[in-house]
Protein backbone atom coordinates (compact mmCIF):
# COMPACT_ATOMS: atom_id res chain seq x y z
CA MET A 1 -24.71 123.70 284.54
CA ASN A 2 -23.09 127.10 284.06
CA ASP A 3 -19.73 126.61 285.72
CA SER A 4 -16.70 126.80 283.46
CA LYS A 5 -14.94 123.75 284.85
CA LEU A 6 -14.28 120.94 282.44
CA TYR A 7 -13.96 117.37 283.57
CA ILE A 8 -13.96 113.89 282.10
CA THR A 9 -17.13 111.99 282.91
CA LYS A 10 -16.47 108.89 280.83
CA TYR A 11 -13.62 107.54 278.73
CA SER A 12 -12.91 104.57 276.53
CA SER A 13 -9.86 102.83 275.22
CA ILE A 14 -9.28 100.02 272.78
CA LYS A 15 -6.15 97.92 273.07
CA ALA A 16 -5.16 94.29 272.62
CA SER A 17 -8.51 93.40 271.02
CA SER A 18 -10.39 94.72 274.05
CA ILE A 19 -12.66 97.68 274.74
CA TYR A 20 -12.50 99.35 278.12
CA ILE A 21 -14.97 101.91 279.46
CA ASN A 22 -13.68 103.87 282.45
CA GLY A 23 -10.99 101.21 282.81
CA LYS A 24 -13.47 98.31 282.97
CA LEU A 25 -13.36 95.59 280.30
CA GLU A 26 -16.56 95.76 278.24
CA PHE A 27 -15.75 93.56 275.25
CA HIS A 28 -12.96 91.27 274.10
CA PHE A 29 -12.53 89.38 270.85
CA PRO A 30 -9.26 87.42 270.67
CA THR A 31 -7.45 88.20 267.43
CA LYS A 32 -4.23 89.88 266.36
CA LYS A 33 -5.87 91.55 263.35
CA PHE A 34 -7.59 94.85 264.03
CA GLU A 35 -9.91 94.44 261.02
CA VAL A 36 -11.27 91.17 262.47
CA PHE A 37 -11.70 92.74 265.92
CA ALA A 38 -13.44 95.82 264.49
CA ASP A 39 -15.86 93.80 262.36
CA ASN A 40 -16.74 91.50 265.27
CA THR A 41 -17.25 94.45 267.60
CA TYR A 42 -19.56 96.07 265.02
CA LYS A 43 -21.57 92.85 264.75
CA ASN A 44 -21.57 92.13 268.51
CA PHE A 45 -23.08 95.52 269.37
CA ASP A 46 -25.46 95.37 266.37
CA LEU A 47 -24.26 98.75 265.13
CA LYS A 48 -25.99 100.24 262.10
CA TYR A 49 -23.77 102.66 260.23
CA PRO A 50 -23.20 101.76 256.54
CA LYS A 51 -20.12 103.99 256.18
CA PHE A 52 -18.30 101.91 258.82
CA HIS A 53 -17.15 99.38 256.24
CA LYS A 54 -15.64 102.15 254.06
CA MET A 55 -13.61 103.64 256.90
CA ASP A 56 -9.91 103.12 257.43
CA ASN A 57 -8.74 101.48 260.66
CA LEU A 58 -8.17 104.77 262.48
CA SER A 59 -11.70 105.93 261.76
CA LYS A 60 -13.11 102.56 262.78
CA LEU A 61 -11.20 102.83 266.04
CA GLY A 62 -12.56 106.30 266.71
CA PHE A 63 -16.07 105.28 265.72
CA LEU A 64 -16.09 102.25 268.00
CA CYS A 65 -14.76 104.28 270.94
CA ALA A 66 -17.45 106.91 270.37
CA GLU A 67 -20.18 104.29 270.10
CA MET A 68 -19.11 102.71 273.37
CA LEU A 69 -18.99 106.10 275.11
CA LEU A 70 -22.16 107.62 273.77
CA ASN A 71 -24.34 104.54 274.07
CA ASN A 72 -27.46 105.44 276.09
CA ILE A 73 -26.39 109.05 276.68
CA PRO A 74 -29.02 111.58 275.51
CA LEU A 75 -26.71 114.25 274.07
CA ASN A 76 -29.62 116.63 273.54
CA ASN A 77 -29.71 117.08 277.34
CA PHE A 78 -26.47 119.07 277.11
CA GLU A 79 -25.62 122.48 275.74
CA PRO A 80 -23.04 122.36 272.91
CA GLN A 81 -20.39 124.05 275.06
CA GLN A 82 -20.75 121.26 277.62
CA ILE A 83 -19.56 118.56 275.24
CA ALA A 84 -16.01 117.95 274.06
CA ILE A 85 -14.20 115.16 272.28
CA ASN A 86 -10.55 114.38 272.88
CA ILE A 87 -9.05 111.67 270.70
CA VAL A 88 -5.54 110.42 271.37
CA ASN A 89 -3.61 107.57 269.84
CA LYS A 90 -0.02 106.46 269.65
CA ASN A 91 0.67 106.45 265.90
CA SER A 92 -1.64 109.07 264.40
CA SER A 93 -2.78 107.95 260.94
CA ILE A 94 0.28 105.84 260.08
CA ASP A 95 -1.79 102.83 258.96
CA THR A 96 -3.68 104.85 256.35
CA ASP A 97 -0.59 106.86 255.43
CA ILE A 98 1.29 103.65 254.58
CA ARG A 99 -1.60 102.36 252.48
CA TYR A 100 -1.92 105.69 250.69
CA ASN A 101 1.82 105.85 250.04
CA ASN A 102 1.75 102.32 248.59
CA LEU A 103 -0.98 103.41 246.17
CA ILE A 104 0.98 106.53 245.16
CA THR A 105 3.97 104.28 244.41
CA LYS A 106 1.73 102.16 242.17
CA GLY A 107 0.31 105.29 240.53
CA THR A 108 -3.26 104.61 241.69
CA SER A 109 -3.72 107.01 244.62
CA SER A 110 -7.13 108.37 245.48
CA PRO A 111 -8.24 111.12 247.88
CA ALA A 112 -11.11 108.83 248.94
CA ILE A 113 -8.60 106.58 250.70
CA PHE A 114 -6.80 109.42 252.43
CA VAL A 115 -9.76 111.51 253.59
CA TYR A 116 -10.79 109.26 256.50
CA SER A 117 -7.34 109.57 258.04
CA LEU A 118 -8.07 113.20 258.87
CA PRO A 119 -8.98 113.59 262.57
CA ASN A 120 -11.74 116.13 261.83
CA ILE A 121 -13.49 113.67 259.53
CA MET A 122 -13.29 110.95 262.18
CA ILE A 123 -14.70 113.22 264.89
CA GLY A 124 -17.45 114.45 262.59
CA GLU A 125 -18.48 110.92 261.64
CA SER A 126 -18.50 109.92 265.31
CA ILE A 127 -20.97 112.55 266.46
CA ILE A 128 -23.44 112.54 263.57
């Protein structure tokens, strides 16, 4: 495929404790707490990535979306320039920013907490 046109072949979204792939409901776990939903999704799809439990909520969200999208897609069939990732959310890293700010206020901040809120880290973890 040498044409220079870019197009979306598959997309995912997570909202209201549900995962959608190309607009079709793939998984639902009724809860109002994202942490509970994320952990149950991880277990339901038998995912094996030890760093998942260290991630902040934004990274878990990105990871789960990537897992749902890339499941059963042999990425080595594509040239690097044929693959792109576009991550969009409504509130950026506000969840982690609030937690980090609370730790700064207490005088116990740590870069380890903040690092996963960086979009580049989330994308990198998703495609490894």
